[in-house]
C-alpha atoms as a PDB file:
ATOM      1  CA  MET A   1     301.886 289.480 -67.989  1.00  0.00           C
ATOM      2  CA  ASN A   2     304.437 292.726 -67.748  1.00  0.00           C
ATOM      3  CA  ILE A   3     308.099 293.164 -66.641  1.00  0.00           C
ATOM      4  CA  SER A   4     307.951 293.790 -62.983  1.00  0.00           C
ATOM      5  CA  GLU A   5     305.691 290.252 -62.882  1.00  0.00           C
ATOM      6  CA  ALA A   6     307.966 288.735 -64.910  1.00  0.00           C
ATOM      7  CA  VAL A   7     310.621 289.608 -62.261  1.00  0.00           C
ATOM      8  CA  ALA A   8     308.722 288.831 -59.245  1.00  0.00           C
ATOM      9  CA  GLU A   9     307.874 285.558 -60.795  1.00  0.00           C
ATOM     10  CA  ARG A  10     311.597 284.532 -61.584  1.00  0.00           C
ATOM     11  CA  ILE A  11     312.856 285.869 -58.669  1.00  0.00           C
ATOM     12  CA  LEU A  12     310.098 283.060 -56.876  1.00  0.00           C
ATOM     13  CA  GLU A  13     311.098 280.428 -59.428  1.00  0.00           C
ATOM     14  CA  LEU A  14     315.025 281.277 -58.701  1.00  0.00           C
ATOM     15  CA  CYS A  15     314.045 280.550 -54.844  1.00  0.00           C
ATOM     16  CA  LYS A  16     312.490 277.363 -55.517  1.00  0.00           C
ATOM     17  CA  GLN A  17     314.939 275.775 -57.531  1.00  0.00           C
ATOM     18  CA  ASN A  18     317.900 277.098 -54.868  1.00  0.00           C
ATOM     19  CA  ASN A  19     315.561 276.293 -52.089  1.00  0.00           C
ATOM     20  CA  ILE A  20     316.090 279.568 -50.486  1.00  0.00           C
ATOM     21  CA  THR A  21     313.334 281.474 -49.233  1.00  0.00           C
ATOM     22  CA  VAL A  22     312.231 285.085 -50.015  1.00  0.00           C
ATOM     23  CA  ASN A  23     314.077 286.602 -46.420  1.00  0.00           C
ATOM     24  CA  LYS A  24     317.247 284.557 -47.302  1.00  0.00           C
ATOM     25  CA  LEU A  25     317.928 286.121 -50.645  1.00  0.00           C
ATOM     26  CA  SER A  26     317.139 289.356 -49.102  1.00  0.00           C
ATOM     27  CA  THR A  27     319.551 288.861 -46.437  1.00  0.00           C
ATOM     28  CA  ILE A  28     322.303 287.368 -48.842  1.00  0.00           C
ATOM     29  CA  SER A  29     322.029 289.594 -51.747  1.00  0.00           C
ATOM     30  CA  GLY A  30     321.758 292.826 -49.701  1.00  0.00           C
ATOM     31  CA  VAL A  31     317.867 293.856 -50.696  1.00  0.00           C
ATOM     32  CA  THR A  32     316.146 295.145 -48.384  1.00  0.00           C
ATOM     33  CA  GLN A  33     312.930 292.475 -47.204  1.00  0.00           C
ATOM     34  CA  SER A  34     310.639 295.441 -47.999  1.00  0.00           C
ATOM     35  CA  THR A  35     311.947 296.063 -51.751  1.00  0.00           C
ATOM     36  CA  VAL A  36     311.863 292.174 -51.890  1.00  0.00           C
ATOM     37  CA  ASN A  37     308.960 291.563 -50.736  1.00  0.00           C
ATOM     38  CA  ASP A  38     307.380 294.401 -52.957  1.00  0.00           C
ATOM     39  CA  ILE A  39     308.795 292.683 -55.940  1.00  0.00           C
ATOM     40  CA  VAL A  40     307.190 289.486 -55.748  1.00  0.00           C
ATOM     41  CA  ASN A  41     304.073 291.011 -54.148  1.00  0.00           C
ATOM     42  CA  HIS A  42     303.510 292.737 -57.473  1.00  0.00           C
ATOM     43  CA  LYS A  43     303.658 296.333 -55.179  1.00  0.00           C
ATOM     44  CA  ALA A  44     307.249 297.604 -57.336  1.00  0.00           C
ATOM     45  CA  LYS A  45     306.431 298.597 -60.807  1.00  0.00           C
ATOM     46  CA  ASN A  46     309.510 299.792 -61.618  1.00  0.00           C
ATOM     47  CA  ILE A  47     312.723 297.548 -60.489  1.00  0.00           C
ATOM     48  CA  GLY A  48     315.769 298.747 -61.212  1.00  0.00           C
ATOM     49  CA  ILE A  49     318.481 297.083 -62.534  1.00  0.00           C
ATOM     50  CA  ILE A  50     320.838 297.659 -59.621  1.00  0.00           C
ATOM     51  CA  THR A  51     318.175 295.763 -57.434  1.00  0.00           C
ATOM     52  CA  ILE A  52     317.879 293.025 -60.037  1.00  0.00           C
ATOM     53  CA  LYS A  53     321.796 293.034 -60.061  1.00  0.00           C
ATOM     54  CA  LYS A  54     322.200 292.786 -56.045  1.00  0.00           C
ATOM     55  CA  LEU A  55     318.989 289.673 -56.027  1.00  0.00           C
ATOM     56  CA  CYS A  56     321.487 288.206 -59.036  1.00  0.00           C
ATOM     57  CA  ASP A  57     324.557 288.360 -57.028  1.00  0.00           C
ATOM     58  CA  GLY A  58     322.665 286.677 -54.404  1.00  0.00           C
ATOM     59  CA  PHE A  59     321.672 283.694 -56.257  1.00  0.00           C
ATOM     60  CA  ASP A  60     325.250 283.534 -58.141  1.00  0.00           C
ATOM     61  CA  LEU A  61     323.854 283.982 -61.347  1.00  0.00           C
ATOM     62  CA  THR A  62     324.794 286.348 -63.884  1.00  0.00           C
ATOM     63  CA  ILE A  63     321.953 288.990 -65.689  1.00  0.00           C
ATOM     64  CA  THR A  64     322.016 287.152 -68.372  1.00  0.00           C
ATOM     65  CA  ASP A  65     321.171 284.118 -66.772  1.00  0.00           C
ATOM     66  CA  PHE A  66     318.280 286.187 -65.198  1.00  0.00           C
ATOM     67  CA  PHE A  67     316.802 287.077 -68.256  1.00  0.00           C
ATOM     68  CA  ASP A  68     317.389 284.120 -70.330  1.00  0.00           C
ATOM     69  CA  ASN A  69     314.215 282.872 -69.244  1.00  0.00           C
ATOM     70  CA  ASP A  70     311.086 281.417 -71.457  1.00  0.00           C
ATOM     71  CA  ILE A  71     308.922 283.751 -68.725  1.00  0.00           C
ATOM     72  CA  PHE A  72     311.344 286.875 -70.711  1.00  0.00           C
ATOM     73  CA  ARG A  73     310.521 285.642 -74.002  1.00  0.00           C
ATOM     74  CA  SER A  74     306.935 286.150 -74.422  1.00  0.00           C
ATOM     75  CA  LEU A  75     306.875 289.517 -72.708  1.00  0.00           C
ATOM     76  CA  GLU A  76     304.759 291.622 -75.345  1.00  0.00           C
ATOM     77  CA  GLN A  77     305.439 295.532 -75.350  1.00  0.00           C
ATOM     78  CA  GLU A  78     304.097 297.968 -72.663  1.00  0.00           C
ATOM     79  CA  LEU A  79     303.086 300.936 -73.612  1.00  0.00           C
ATOM     80  CA  TYR A  80     301.797 303.313 -71.154  1.00  0.00           C
END
């Protein structure tokens, strides 16, 4: 799993935990629906930290809490 896939998985996990849709997350975070859809559908490869921060704000979650998850602990180094 790469970092963009891990971010997508974490967002979907948090949506499920908070009982909200991706569309609702888009509305409360101020990130366009197309951007959120691109992230969760693995179309976005370089997700900006500002976008992740806005999504975290939508979840009422810190960036530290967002990344403090086993999904990110098991990532291997990406070489391009």
